Amino acid sequence: MVSVINSIDTSHEDMIHDAQLDYYGTKLATCSSDRSIKIFDVKGGQQTLVTELRGHDGPVWQLAWAHPMFGNLIASCSYDRKVIIWKETNGSWGKLYEYQNHDSSVNSVNFAPHEFGLLLACGSSDGSISIISSTGDGTWDAKKIPNAHSIGCNAVSWAPPINPGDLLDPSGRHQPIKQLVSGGCDNLVKIWKEEDGQWKEDQKLEGHSDWVRDVAWAPSIGLPKSIIASCSQDLRVIIWTNDGNGWTQKVLNKFNDVIWHISWSITGNILATSGGDNKVSLWKETLNGDWVCISDVNKGQGQISDGQRSLS
């Protein structure tokens, strides 16, 4: 049974575009068209506004927390073409770094697994993807994947640091590969791989008939397959699976409205979807490979679906 535990009045003055819990689930960050970012302490069923961050000159689309080994860091991206990394120092939040090398709205930010260091991927409406990195000495470096998606890039997501099949490799000698997935206005899902310090297109996944709005690479425990979810304005969510013999696609569901965001559970076996109908639904794969809806949360009211209905 899934139910609404708590609701928070953020006091944003315009539409909220993203809400992200930190690694420990004790801080919640929200961003809005009112150009602000708000951070709340959410402990013991209570929420307290910690700070309000202002530095963007347009709607703030998305947020991403870094792993706590790098301190309290959060990245934000905006219509104003900027990416800002904020840091908490001695209880006070401020700008750590500002990246302004995109020519159009920056729509998505995502920190890499901490095993790769402090790396941030950014997808922009100018069609390019930037990879921002820091060695920790205060200097920042940026690499760009130009023309990643014609018309624009809407979403980026890193692959897990565990290679498929590592769990079954008794040697334990494996070098994780830096990979990320992106979705764009060209209706494509693309996989990128770093080779010799350069980012190259590894795969192009065709299956959507309209703009891809979000992509999410599922966490892995080392089982011999990779899974990616994508959602599109074509009303569909597609599950892409690679068991070592190439990528195959399966339509999770065709919805009645646009699905804007998708998110995996930390174990990678439950997918959450949220869409234009104000509904969040949770999906799980059965033993025979079908995906079933195990819960709907509709307009703030938690409810379980009827008998784990299967939709396709």
C-alpha atoms as a PDB file:
ATOM      1  CA  MET A   1       0.000   0.000   0.000  1.00  0.00           C
ATOM      2  CA  VAL A   2       1.370   3.385  -1.003  1.00  0.00           C
ATOM      3  CA  SER A   3       0.010   6.426   0.781  1.00  0.00           C
ATOM      4  CA  VAL A   4       0.880  10.081   1.083  1.00  0.00           C
ATOM      5  CA  ILE A   5       3.025  10.520   4.185  1.00  0.00           C
ATOM      6  CA  ASN A   6       3.254  14.269   4.134  1.00  0.00           C
ATOM      7  CA  SER A   7       2.576  17.326   2.016  1.00  0.00           C
ATOM      8  CA  ILE A   8       4.655  20.490   2.135  1.00  0.00           C
ATOM      9  CA  ASP A   9       3.591  24.046   1.491  1.00  0.00           C
ATOM     10  CA  THR A  10       6.706  25.386  -0.210  1.00  0.00           C
ATOM     11  CA  SER A  11       5.331  28.926  -0.616  1.00  0.00           C
ATOM     12  CA  HIS A  12       6.770  29.081  -4.126  1.00  0.00           C
ATOM     13  CA  GLU A  13       5.088  31.852  -6.085  1.00  0.00           C
ATOM     14  CA  ASP A  14       4.827  29.880  -9.343  1.00  0.00           C
ATOM     15  CA  MET A  15       4.847  26.337 -10.706  1.00  0.00           C
ATOM     16  CA  ILE A  16       7.221  23.829  -9.051  1.00  0.00           C
ATOM     17  CA  HIS A  17       9.267  21.922 -11.637  1.00  0.00           C
ATOM     18  CA  ASP A  18      11.324  19.564  -9.492  1.00  0.00           C
ATOM     19  CA  ALA A  19      11.643  18.234  -5.943  1.00  0.00           C
ATOM     20  CA  GLN A  20      14.629  16.152  -4.852  1.00  0.00           C
ATOM     21  CA  LEU A  21      15.501  14.461  -1.566  1.00  0.00           C
ATOM     22  CA  ASP A  22      19.177  14.277  -0.627  1.00  0.00           C
ATOM     23  CA  TYR A  23      21.119  11.014  -0.144  1.00  0.00           C
ATOM     24  CA  TYR A  24      19.874  10.517   3.433  1.00  0.00           C
ATOM     25  CA  GLY A  25      16.302  11.634   2.753  1.00  0.00           C
ATOM     26  CA  THR A  26      16.476  14.371   5.385  1.00  0.00           C
ATOM     27  CA  LYS A  27      16.677  17.407   3.097  1.00  0.00           C
ATOM     28  CA  LEU A  28      14.234  18.323   0.339  1.00  0.00           C
ATOM     29  CA  ALA A  29      15.085  20.802  -2.415  1.00  0.00           C
ATOM     30  CA  THR A  30      12.452  22.343  -4.679  1.00  0.00           C
ATOM     31  CA  CYS A  31      12.713  24.672  -7.679  1.00  0.00           C
ATOM     32  CA  SER A  32      10.188  26.807  -9.471  1.00  0.00           C
ATOM     33  CA  SER A  33       9.322  29.226 -12.249  1.00  0.00           C
ATOM     34  CA  ASP A  34       9.619  31.911  -9.564  1.00  0.00           C
ATOM     35  CA  ARG A  35      13.405  31.536 -10.169  1.00  0.00           C
ATOM     36  CA  SER A  36      14.107  30.301  -6.659  1.00  0.00           C
ATOM     37  CA  ILE A  37      15.351  27.102  -5.029  1.00  0.00           C
ATOM     38  CA  LYS A  38      14.204  26.191  -1.538  1.00  0.00           C
ATOM     39  CA  ILE A  39      15.772  23.674   0.809  1.00  0.00           C
ATOM     40  CA  PHE A  40      13.823  22.141   3.677  1.00  0.00           C
ATOM     41  CA  ASP A  41      14.784  19.914   6.586  1.00  0.00           C
ATOM     42  CA  VAL A  42      12.286  17.040   6.554  1.00  0.00           C
ATOM     43  CA  LYS A  43      12.771  15.017   9.714  1.00  0.00           C
ATOM     44  CA  GLY A  44      10.295  13.322  12.001  1.00  0.00           C
ATOM     45  CA  GLY A  45       7.310  14.269   9.861  1.00  0.00           C
ATOM     46  CA  GLN A  46       8.145  17.961  10.188  1.00  0.00           C
ATOM     47  CA  GLN A  47       9.524  20.316   7.571  1.00  0.00           C
ATOM     48  CA  THR A  48      11.518  23.487   8.179  1.00  0.00           C
ATOM     49  CA  LEU A  49      12.676  25.936   5.535  1.00  0.00           C
ATOM     50  CA  VAL A  50      16.480  26.073   5.747  1.00  0.00           C
ATOM     51  CA  THR A  51      17.265  28.500   2.953  1.00  0.00           C
ATOM     52  CA  GLU A  52      16.050  30.100  -0.237  1.00  0.00           C
ATOM     53  CA  LEU A  53      18.616  30.295  -3.042  1.00  0.00           C
ATOM     54  CA  ARG A  54      18.389  32.967  -5.721  1.00  0.00           C
ATOM     55  CA  GLY A  55      20.838  33.303  -8.588  1.00  0.00           C
ATOM     56  CA  HIS A  56      18.930  32.311 -11.700  1.00  0.00           C
ATOM     57  CA  ASP A  57      17.287  34.788 -14.066  1.00  0.00           C
ATOM     58  CA  GLY A  58      14.607  32.426 -15.346  1.00  0.00           C
ATOM     59  CA  PRO A  59      12.540  29.381 -14.398  1.00  0.00           C
ATOM     60  CA  VAL A  60      14.607  26.694 -12.637  1.00  0.00           C
ATOM     61  CA  TRP A  61      13.870  23.349 -14.269  1.00  0.00           C
ATOM     62  CA  GLN A  62      15.774  20.679 -12.360  1.00  0.00           C
ATOM     63  CA  LEU A  63      17.947  19.919  -9.334  1.00  0.00           C
ATOM     64  CA  ALA A  64      20.518  17.248  -8.478  1.00  0.00           C
ATOM     65  CA  TRP A  65      22.177  16.443  -5.153  1.00  0.00           C
ATOM     66  CA  ALA A  66      25.793  15.290  -5.120  1.00  0.00           C
ATOM     67  CA  HIS A  67      26.913  12.337  -3.000  1.00  0.00           C
ATOM     68  CA  PRO A  68      27.562  13.445   0.622  1.00  0.00           C
ATOM     69  CA  MET A  69      31.244  12.503   0.361  1.00  0.00           C
ATOM     70  CA  PHE A  70      31.599  15.816  -1.525  1.00  0.00           C
ATOM     71  CA  GLY A  71      29.733  17.756   1.197  1.00  0.00           C
ATOM     72  CA  ASN A  72      26.282  19.295   0.881  1.00  0.00           C
ATOM     73  CA  LEU A  73      26.229  20.171  -2.816  1.00  0.00           C
ATOM     74  CA  ILE A  74      23.276  20.695  -5.114  1.00  0.00           C
ATOM     75  CA  ALA A  75      23.182  21.650  -8.780  1.00  0.00           C
ATOM     76  CA  SER A  76      20.435  23.621 -10.507  1.00  0.00           C
ATOM     77  CA  CYS A  77      19.723  24.409 -14.163  1.00  0.00           C
ATOM     78  CA  SER A  78      17.534  27.062 -15.703  1.00  0.00           C
ATOM     79  CA  TYR A  79      15.980  28.648 -18.750  1.00  0.00           C
ATOM     80  CA  ASP A  80      18.595  31.392 -18.245  1.00  0.00           C
ATOM     81  CA  ARG A  81      21.226  29.011 -19.804  1.00  0.00           C
ATOM     82  CA  LYS A  82      23.098  28.704 -16.502  1.00  0.00           C
ATOM     83  CA  VAL A  83      24.052  25.796 -14.282  1.00  0.00           C
ATOM     84  CA  ILE A  84      24.807  26.701 -10.674  1.00  0.00           C
ATOM     85  CA  ILE A  85      26.404  24.417  -8.092  1.00  0.00           C
ATOM     86  CA  TRP A  86      25.534  25.460  -4.542  1.00  0.00           C
ATOM     87  CA  LYS A  87      27.364  24.406  -1.390  1.00  0.00           C
ATOM     88  CA  GLU A  88      26.562  24.521   2.300  1.00  0.00           C
ATOM     89  CA  THR A  89      29.490  25.707   4.439  1.00  0.00           C
ATOM     90  CA  ASN A  90      29.092  26.042   8.206  1.00  0.00           C
ATOM     91  CA  GLY A  91      25.320  26.119   7.877  1.00  0.00           C
ATOM     92  CA  SER A  92      25.255  28.769   5.160  1.00  0.00           C
ATOM     93  CA  TRP A  93      24.454  28.103   1.501  1.00  0.00           C
ATOM     94  CA  GLY A  94      26.129  29.922  -1.379  1.00  0.00           C
ATOM     95  CA  LYS A  95      27.323  29.579  -4.969  1.00  0.00           C
ATOM     96  CA  LEU A  96      30.302  27.293  -5.453  1.00  0.00           C
ATOM     97  CA  TYR A  97      30.466  27.386  -9.250  1.00  0.00           C
ATOM     98  CA  GLU A  98      28.502  28.866 -12.135  1.00  0.00           C
ATOM     99  CA  TYR A  99      28.647  27.405 -15.643  1.00  0.00           C
ATOM    100  CA  GLN A 100      27.468  29.611 -18.523  1.00  0.00           C
ATOM    101  CA  ASN A 101      28.650  27.840 -21.655  1.00  0.00           C
ATOM    102  CA  HIS A 102      25.297  26.873 -23.161  1.00  0.00           C
ATOM    103  CA  ASP A 103      23.471  28.868 -25.821  1.00  0.00           C
ATOM    104  CA  SER A 104      19.945  28.011 -24.731  1.00  0.00           C
ATOM    105  CA  SER A 105      17.922  26.710 -21.794  1.00  0.00           C
ATOM    106  CA  VAL A 106      19.615  24.021 -19.673  1.00  0.00           C
ATOM    107  CA  ASN A 107      16.913  21.434 -19.023  1.00  0.00           C
ATOM    108  CA  SER A 108      18.544  18.642 -17.039  1.00  0.00           C
ATOM    109  CA  VAL A 109      21.366  18.059 -14.552  1.00  0.00           C
ATOM    110  CA  ASN A 110      22.553  14.779 -13.046  1.00  0.00           C
ATOM    111  CA  PHE A 111      25.560  13.972 -10.862  1.00  0.00           C
ATOM    112  CA  ALA A 112      27.561  10.867 -11.745  1.00  0.00           C
ATOM    113  CA  PRO A 113      28.001   8.009  -9.264  1.00  0.00           C
ATOM    114  CA  HIS A 114      30.555   9.119  -6.681  1.00  0.00           C
ATOM    115  CA  GLU A 115      32.949   6.361  -7.763  1.00  0.00           C
ATOM    116  CA  PHE A 116      33.703   8.501 -10.829  1.00  0.00           C
ATOM    117  CA  GLY A 117      34.429  11.653  -8.817  1.00  0.00           C
ATOM    118  CA  LEU A 118      32.557  14.942  -8.862  1.00  0.00           C
ATOM    119  CA  LEU A 119      31.039  14.878 -12.363  1.00  0.00           C
ATOM    120  CA  LEU A 120      27.867  16.653 -13.492  1.00  0.00           C
ATOM    121  CA  ALA A 121      26.086  16.060 -16.802  1.00  0.00           C
ATOM    122  CA  CYS A 122      23.965  18.896 -18.222  1.00  0.00           C
ATOM    123  CA  GLY A 123      21.542  18.681 -21.167  1.00  0.00           C
ATOM    124  CA  SER A 124      20.513  21.816 -23.061  1.00  0.00           C
ATOM    125  CA  SER A 125      18.034  23.018 -25.661  1.00  0.00           C
ATOM    126  CA  ASP A 126      21.042  24.038 -27.761  1.00  0.00           C
ATOM    127  CA  GLY A 127      21.387  20.306 -28.508  1.00  0.00           C
ATOM    128  CA  SER A 128      24.601  19.754 -26.578  1.00  0.00           C
ATOM    129  CA  ILE A 129      25.528  17.933 -23.376  1.00  0.00           C
ATOM    130  CA  SER A 130      28.196  19.287 -21.017  1.00  0.00           C
ATOM    131  CA  ILE A 131      30.197  17.187 -18.545  1.00  0.00           C
ATOM    132  CA  ILE A 132      31.462  19.408 -15.711  1.00  0.00           C
ATOM    133  CA  SER A 133      34.099  18.019 -13.374  1.00  0.00           C
ATOM    134  CA  SER A 134      36.129  19.109 -10.356  1.00  0.00           C
ATOM    135  CA  THR A 135      39.244  17.600  -8.849  1.00  0.00           C
ATOM    136  CA  GLY A 136      38.461  19.198  -5.501  1.00  0.00           C
ATOM    137  CA  ASP A 137      41.135  21.902  -5.611  1.00  0.00           C
ATOM    138  CA  GLY A 138      38.705  24.611  -6.676  1.00  0.00           C
ATOM    139  CA  THR A 139      39.284  24.282 -10.405  1.00  0.00           C
ATOM    140  CA  TRP A 140      36.561  23.118 -12.771  1.00  0.00           C
ATOM    141  CA  ASP A 141      36.763  21.548 -16.203  1.00  0.00           C
ATOM    142  CA  ALA A 142      34.055  21.121 -18.814  1.00  0.00           C
ATOM    143  CA  LYS A 143      33.795  18.823 -21.827  1.00  0.00           C
ATOM    144  CA  LYS A 144      30.997  19.212 -24.328  1.00  0.00           C
ATOM    145  CA  ILE A 145      29.214  16.713 -26.552  1.00  0.00           C
ATOM    146  CA  PRO A 146      28.112  19.003 -29.409  1.00  0.00           C
ATOM    147  CA  ASN A 147      24.995  18.223 -31.451  1.00  0.00           C
ATOM    148  CA  ALA A 148      24.018  15.393 -29.111  1.00  0.00           C
ATOM    149  CA  HIS A 149      20.375  15.884 -30.098  1.00  0.00           C
ATOM    150  CA  SER A 150      19.055  17.991 -32.940  1.00  0.00           C
ATOM    151  CA  ILE A 151      16.597  20.662 -31.746  1.00  0.00           C
ATOM    152  CA  GLY A 152      17.504  20.014 -28.098  1.00  0.00           C
ATOM    153  CA  CYS A 153      18.366  17.685 -25.209  1.00  0.00           C
ATOM    154  CA  ASN A 154      15.728  17.289 -22.497  1.00  0.00           C
ATOM    155  CA  ALA A 155      17.196  14.759 -20.062  1.00  0.00           C
ATOM    156  CA  VAL A 156      20.422  13.068 -18.963  1.00  0.00           C
ATOM    157  CA  SER A 157      21.038  10.116 -16.621  1.00  0.00           C
ATOM    158  CA  TRP A 158      24.237   8.282 -15.630  1.00  0.00           C
ATOM    159  CA  ALA A 159      24.755   4.553 -15.824  1.00  0.00           C
ATOM    160  CA  PRO A 160      25.509   2.792 -12.522  1.00  0.00           C
ATOM    161  CA  PRO A 161      29.188   2.242 -11.665  1.00  0.00           C
ATOM    162  CA  ILE A 162      28.754  -1.528 -11.676  1.00  0.00           C
ATOM    163  CA  ASN A 163      29.144  -3.232 -15.032  1.00  0.00           C
ATOM    164  CA  PRO A 164      26.518  -5.824 -16.053  1.00  0.00           C
ATOM    165  CA  GLY A 165      27.579  -9.262 -14.871  1.00  0.00           C
ATOM    166  CA  ASP A 166      30.074  -8.054 -12.252  1.00  0.00           C
ATOM    167  CA  LEU A 167      28.136  -9.911  -9.562  1.00  0.00           C
ATOM    168  CA  LEU A 168      28.902 -13.156 -11.389  1.00  0.00           C
ATOM    169  CA  ASP A 169      32.587 -12.349 -11.980  1.00  0.00           C
ATOM    170  CA  PRO A 170      34.626 -14.164  -9.321  1.00  0.00           C
ATOM    171  CA  SER A 171      37.814 -12.224 -10.131  1.00  0.00           C
ATOM    172  CA  GLY A 172      36.381  -8.956  -8.848  1.00  0.00           C
ATOM    173  CA  ARG A 173      38.702  -7.154 -11.267  1.00  0.00           C
ATOM    174  CA  HIS A 174      36.498  -4.787 -13.179  1.00  0.00           C
ATOM    175  CA  GLN A 175      36.880  -1.216 -14.278  1.00  0.00           C
ATOM    176  CA  PRO A 176      33.581   0.665 -14.367  1.00  0.00           C
ATOM    177  CA  ILE A 177      32.841   2.416 -17.650  1.00  0.00           C
ATOM    178  CA  LYS A 178      31.555   5.987 -17.646  1.00  0.00           C
ATOM    179  CA  GLN A 179      28.279   5.939 -19.563  1.00  0.00           C
ATOM    180  CA  LEU A 180      25.209   8.128 -19.668  1.00  0.00           C
ATOM    181  CA  VAL A 181      21.882   8.155 -21.475  1.00  0.00           C
ATOM    182  CA  SER A 182      20.129  11.177 -22.936  1.00  0.00           C
ATOM    183  CA  GLY A 183      16.739  11.960 -24.448  1.00  0.00           C
ATOM    184  CA  GLY A 184      15.903  14.690 -26.900  1.00  0.00           C
ATOM    185  CA  CYS A 185      13.539  16.573 -29.168  1.00  0.00           C
ATOM    186  CA  ASP A 186      14.648  14.337 -32.053  1.00  0.00           C
ATOM    187  CA  ASN A 187      12.537  11.542 -30.472  1.00  0.00           C
ATOM    188  CA  LEU A 188      15.750   9.595 -29.760  1.00  0.00           C
ATOM    189  CA  VAL A 189      17.331   7.986 -26.728  1.00  0.00           C
ATOM    190  CA  LYS A 190      21.124   7.945 -26.993  1.00  0.00           C
ATOM    191  CA  ILE A 191      23.832   6.217 -24.958  1.00  0.00           C
ATOM    192  CA  TRP A 192      27.222   7.875 -24.593  1.00  0.00           C
ATOM    193  CA  LYS A 193      30.493   6.289 -23.482  1.00  0.00           C
ATOM    194  CA  GLU A 194      33.788   7.855 -22.460  1.00  0.00           C
ATOM    195  CA  GLU A 195      36.772   6.435 -24.355  1.00  0.00           C
ATOM    196  CA  ASP A 196      40.285   7.811 -23.918  1.00  0.00           C
ATOM    197  CA  GLY A 197      38.932  10.934 -22.282  1.00  0.00           C
ATOM    198  CA  GLN A 198      36.469  11.682 -25.093  1.00  0.00           C
ATOM    199  CA  TRP A 199      32.708  11.172 -25.119  1.00  0.00           C
ATOM    200  CA  LYS A 200      31.358   9.182 -28.065  1.00  0.00           C
ATOM    201  CA  GLU A 201      27.907   8.003 -29.117  1.00  0.00           C
ATOM    202  CA  ASP A 202      27.615   4.304 -28.327  1.00  0.00           C
ATOM    203  CA  GLN A 203      23.980   3.542 -29.164  1.00  0.00           C
ATOM    204  CA  LYS A 204      20.981   5.247 -30.730  1.00  0.00           C
ATOM    205  CA  LEU A 205      17.654   3.840 -29.518  1.00  0.00           C
ATOM    206  CA  GLU A 206      14.647   4.514 -31.744  1.00  0.00           C
ATOM    207  CA  GLY A 207      11.144   3.800 -30.469  1.00  0.00           C
ATOM    208  CA  HIS A 208       9.414   7.049 -29.566  1.00  0.00           C
ATOM    209  CA  SER A 209       7.362   9.111 -32.032  1.00  0.00           C
ATOM    210  CA  ASP A 210       7.558  12.444 -30.180  1.00  0.00           C
ATOM    211  CA  TRP A 211       9.936  14.363 -27.920  1.00  0.00           C
ATOM    212  CA  VAL A 212      11.611  12.272 -25.219  1.00  0.00           C
ATOM    213  CA  ARG A 213      11.023  14.099 -21.954  1.00  0.00           C
ATOM    214  CA  ASP A 214      12.942  12.005 -19.417  1.00  0.00           C
ATOM    215  CA  VAL A 215      15.364   9.089 -19.256  1.00  0.00           C
ATOM    216  CA  ALA A 216      16.496   7.045 -16.260  1.00  0.00           C
ATOM    217  CA  TRP A 217      19.196   4.365 -16.140  1.00  0.00           C
ATOM    218  CA  ALA A 218      18.238   1.771 -13.532  1.00  0.00           C
ATOM    219  CA  PRO A 219      20.577   1.070 -10.594  1.00  0.00           C
ATOM    220  CA  SER A 220      22.408  -2.250 -10.814  1.00  0.00           C
ATOM    221  CA  ILE A 221      23.590  -4.851  -8.321  1.00  0.00           C
ATOM    222  CA  GLY A 222      25.794  -6.490 -10.937  1.00  0.00           C
ATOM    223  CA  LEU A 223      23.245  -8.751 -12.621  1.00  0.00           C
ATOM    224  CA  PRO A 224      23.968  -9.451 -16.298  1.00  0.00           C
ATOM    225  CA  LYS A 225      21.660  -6.854 -17.858  1.00  0.00           C
ATOM    226  CA  SER A 226      21.235  -3.105 -18.155  1.00  0.00           C
ATOM    227  CA  ILE A 227      17.851  -1.359 -18.021  1.00  0.00           C
ATOM    228  CA  ILE A 228      16.869   2.145 -19.132  1.00  0.00           C
ATOM    229  CA  ALA A 229      13.431   3.759 -18.950  1.00  0.00           C
ATOM    230  CA  SER A 230      12.309   6.613 -21.184  1.00  0.00           C
ATOM    231  CA  CYS A 231       9.121   8.659 -21.405  1.00  0.00           C
ATOM    232  CA  SER A 232       7.824  10.804 -24.220  1.00  0.00           C
ATOM    233  CA  GLN A 233       5.157  13.182 -25.373  1.00  0.00           C
ATOM    234  CA  ASP A 234       3.867  10.229 -27.410  1.00  0.00           C
ATOM    235  CA  LEU A 235       2.248   9.183 -24.072  1.00  0.00           C
ATOM    236  CA  ARG A 236       4.411   6.060 -23.790  1.00  0.00           C
ATOM    237  CA  VAL A 237       7.032   4.799 -21.385  1.00  0.00           C
ATOM    238  CA  ILE A 238       9.534   2.372 -22.914  1.00  0.00           C
ATOM    239  CA  ILE A 239      11.760  -0.050 -21.010  1.00  0.00           C
ATOM    240  CA  TRP A 240      15.044  -0.716 -22.826  1.00  0.00           C
ATOM    241  CA  THR A 241      16.951  -3.864 -21.801  1.00  0.00           C
ATOM    242  CA  ASN A 242      20.390  -5.137 -22.773  1.00  0.00           C
ATOM    243  CA  ASP A 243      21.348  -8.614 -21.590  1.00  0.00           C
ATOM    244  CA  GLY A 244      24.573  -8.623 -23.597  1.00  0.00           C
ATOM    245  CA  ASN A 245      22.938  -9.184 -26.989  1.00  0.00           C
ATOM    246  CA  GLY A 246      21.961  -5.609 -27.789  1.00  0.00           C
ATOM    247  CA  TRP A 247      19.153  -3.333 -26.669  1.00  0.00           C
ATOM    248  CA  THR A 248      15.526  -4.432 -26.900  1.00  0.00           C
ATOM    249  CA  GLN A 249      12.453  -2.336 -26.171  1.00  0.00           C
ATOM    250  CA  LYS A 250       9.164  -3.030 -24.442  1.00  0.00           C
ATOM    251  CA  VAL A 251       6.357  -0.511 -24.022  1.00  0.00           C
ATOM    252  CA  LEU A 252       5.566  -0.302 -20.318  1.00  0.00           C
ATOM    253  CA  ASN A 253       2.269   1.453 -20.976  1.00  0.00           C
ATOM    254  CA  LYS A 254       0.551   4.007 -23.167  1.00  0.00           C
ATOM    255  CA  PHE A 255      -0.921   6.594 -20.818  1.00  0.00           C
ATOM    256  CA  ASN A 256      -3.814   9.022 -21.223  1.00  0.00           C
ATOM    257  CA  ASP A 257      -1.571  12.056 -20.776  1.00  0.00           C
ATOM    258  CA  VAL A 258       2.049  13.052 -21.204  1.00  0.00           C
ATOM    259  CA  ILE A 259       4.501  11.453 -18.769  1.00  0.00           C
ATOM    260  CA  TRP A 260       6.998  14.121 -17.763  1.00  0.00           C
ATOM    261  CA  HIS A 261       9.251  12.318 -15.280  1.00  0.00           C
ATOM    262  CA  ILE A 262      10.367   8.793 -14.409  1.00  0.00           C
ATOM    263  CA  SER A 263      12.456   7.570 -11.470  1.00  0.00           C
ATOM    264  CA  TRP A 264      13.798   4.193 -10.328  1.00  0.00           C
ATOM    265  CA  SER A 265      13.836   2.872  -6.776  1.00  0.00           C
ATOM    266  CA  ILE A 266      17.325   2.454  -5.311  1.00  0.00           C
ATOM    267  CA  THR A 267      17.150  -1.300  -5.966  1.00  0.00           C
ATOM    268  CA  GLY A 268      16.172  -0.720  -9.590  1.00  0.00           C
ATOM    269  CA  ASN A 269      13.087  -2.944  -9.552  1.00  0.00           C
ATOM    270  CA  ILE A 270      10.292  -0.337  -9.201  1.00  0.00           C
ATOM    271  CA  LEU A 271       9.719   2.542 -11.619  1.00  0.00           C
ATOM    272  CA  ALA A 272       7.752   5.659 -10.690  1.00  0.00           C
ATOM    273  CA  THR A 273       6.073   7.737 -13.395  1.00  0.00           C
ATOM    274  CA  SER A 274       4.439  11.159 -13.097  1.00  0.00           C
ATOM    275  CA  GLY A 275       2.437  12.925 -15.739  1.00  0.00           C
ATOM    276  CA  GLY A 276       0.134  15.661 -16.862  1.00  0.00           C
ATOM    277  CA  ASP A 277      -2.865  14.001 -15.220  1.00  0.00           C
ATOM    278  CA  ASN A 278      -1.406  14.806 -11.755  1.00  0.00           C
ATOM    279  CA  LYS A 279      -0.960  11.108 -11.086  1.00  0.00           C
ATOM    280  CA  VAL A 280       2.081   9.175  -9.852  1.00  0.00           C
ATOM    281  CA  SER A 281       2.090   5.446 -10.594  1.00  0.00           C
ATOM    282  CA  LEU A 282       4.501   2.708  -9.518  1.00  0.00           C
ATOM    283  CA  TRP A 283       5.408  -0.204 -11.812  1.00  0.00           C
ATOM    284  CA  LYS A 284       7.162  -3.500 -11.140  1.00  0.00           C
ATOM    285  CA  GLU A 285       8.375  -6.273 -13.408  1.00  0.00           C
ATOM    286  CA  THR A 286       6.900  -9.722 -12.825  1.00  0.00           C
ATOM    287  CA  LEU A 287       8.870 -12.957 -13.047  1.00  0.00           C
ATOM    288  CA  ASN A 288       7.609 -13.555 -16.592  1.00  0.00           C
ATOM    289  CA  GLY A 289       8.808 -10.139 -17.779  1.00  0.00           C
ATOM    290  CA  ASP A 290       5.521  -8.240 -17.753  1.00  0.00           C
ATOM    291  CA  TRP A 291       5.246  -4.841 -16.073  1.00  0.00           C
ATOM    292  CA  VAL A 292       2.328  -4.283 -13.713  1.00  0.00           C
ATOM    293  CA  CYS A 293       1.048  -1.158 -11.994  1.00  0.00           C
ATOM    294  CA  ILE A 294       1.266  -1.767  -8.257  1.00  0.00           C
ATOM    295  CA  SER A 295       0.011   1.630  -7.111  1.00  0.00           C
ATOM    296  CA  ASP A 296      -1.493   4.937  -8.183  1.00  0.00           C
ATOM    297  CA  VAL A 297      -1.242   8.139  -6.195  1.00  0.00           C
ATOM    298  CA  ASN A 298      -3.755  10.525  -7.680  1.00  0.00           C
ATOM    299  CA  LYS A 299      -3.798  14.245  -6.897  1.00  0.00           C
ATOM    300  CA  GLY A 300      -2.348  13.801  -3.448  1.00  0.00           C
ATOM    301  CA  GLN A 301      -4.482  10.807  -2.460  1.00  0.00           C
ATOM    302  CA  GLY A 302      -2.731   7.458  -2.035  1.00  0.00           C
ATOM    303  CA  GLN A 303      -4.489   4.368  -3.283  1.00  0.00           C
ATOM    304  CA  ILE A 304      -3.553   0.855  -4.326  1.00  0.00           C
ATOM    305  CA  SER A 305      -4.492  -0.339  -7.768  1.00  0.00           C
ATOM    306  CA  ASP A 306      -7.037  -3.067  -8.213  1.00  0.00           C
ATOM    307  CA  GLY A 307      -5.202  -6.357  -7.828  1.00  0.00           C
ATOM    308  CA  GLN A 308      -1.906  -5.145  -9.321  1.00  0.00           C
ATOM    309  CA  ARG A 309      -3.432  -4.621 -12.732  1.00  0.00           C
ATOM    310  CA  SER A 310      -1.265  -5.195 -15.775  1.00  0.00           C
ATOM    311  CA  LEU A 311      -1.386  -2.553 -18.485  1.00  0.00           C
ATOM    312  CA  SER A 312       0.101  -2.680 -21.947  1.00  0.00           C
END
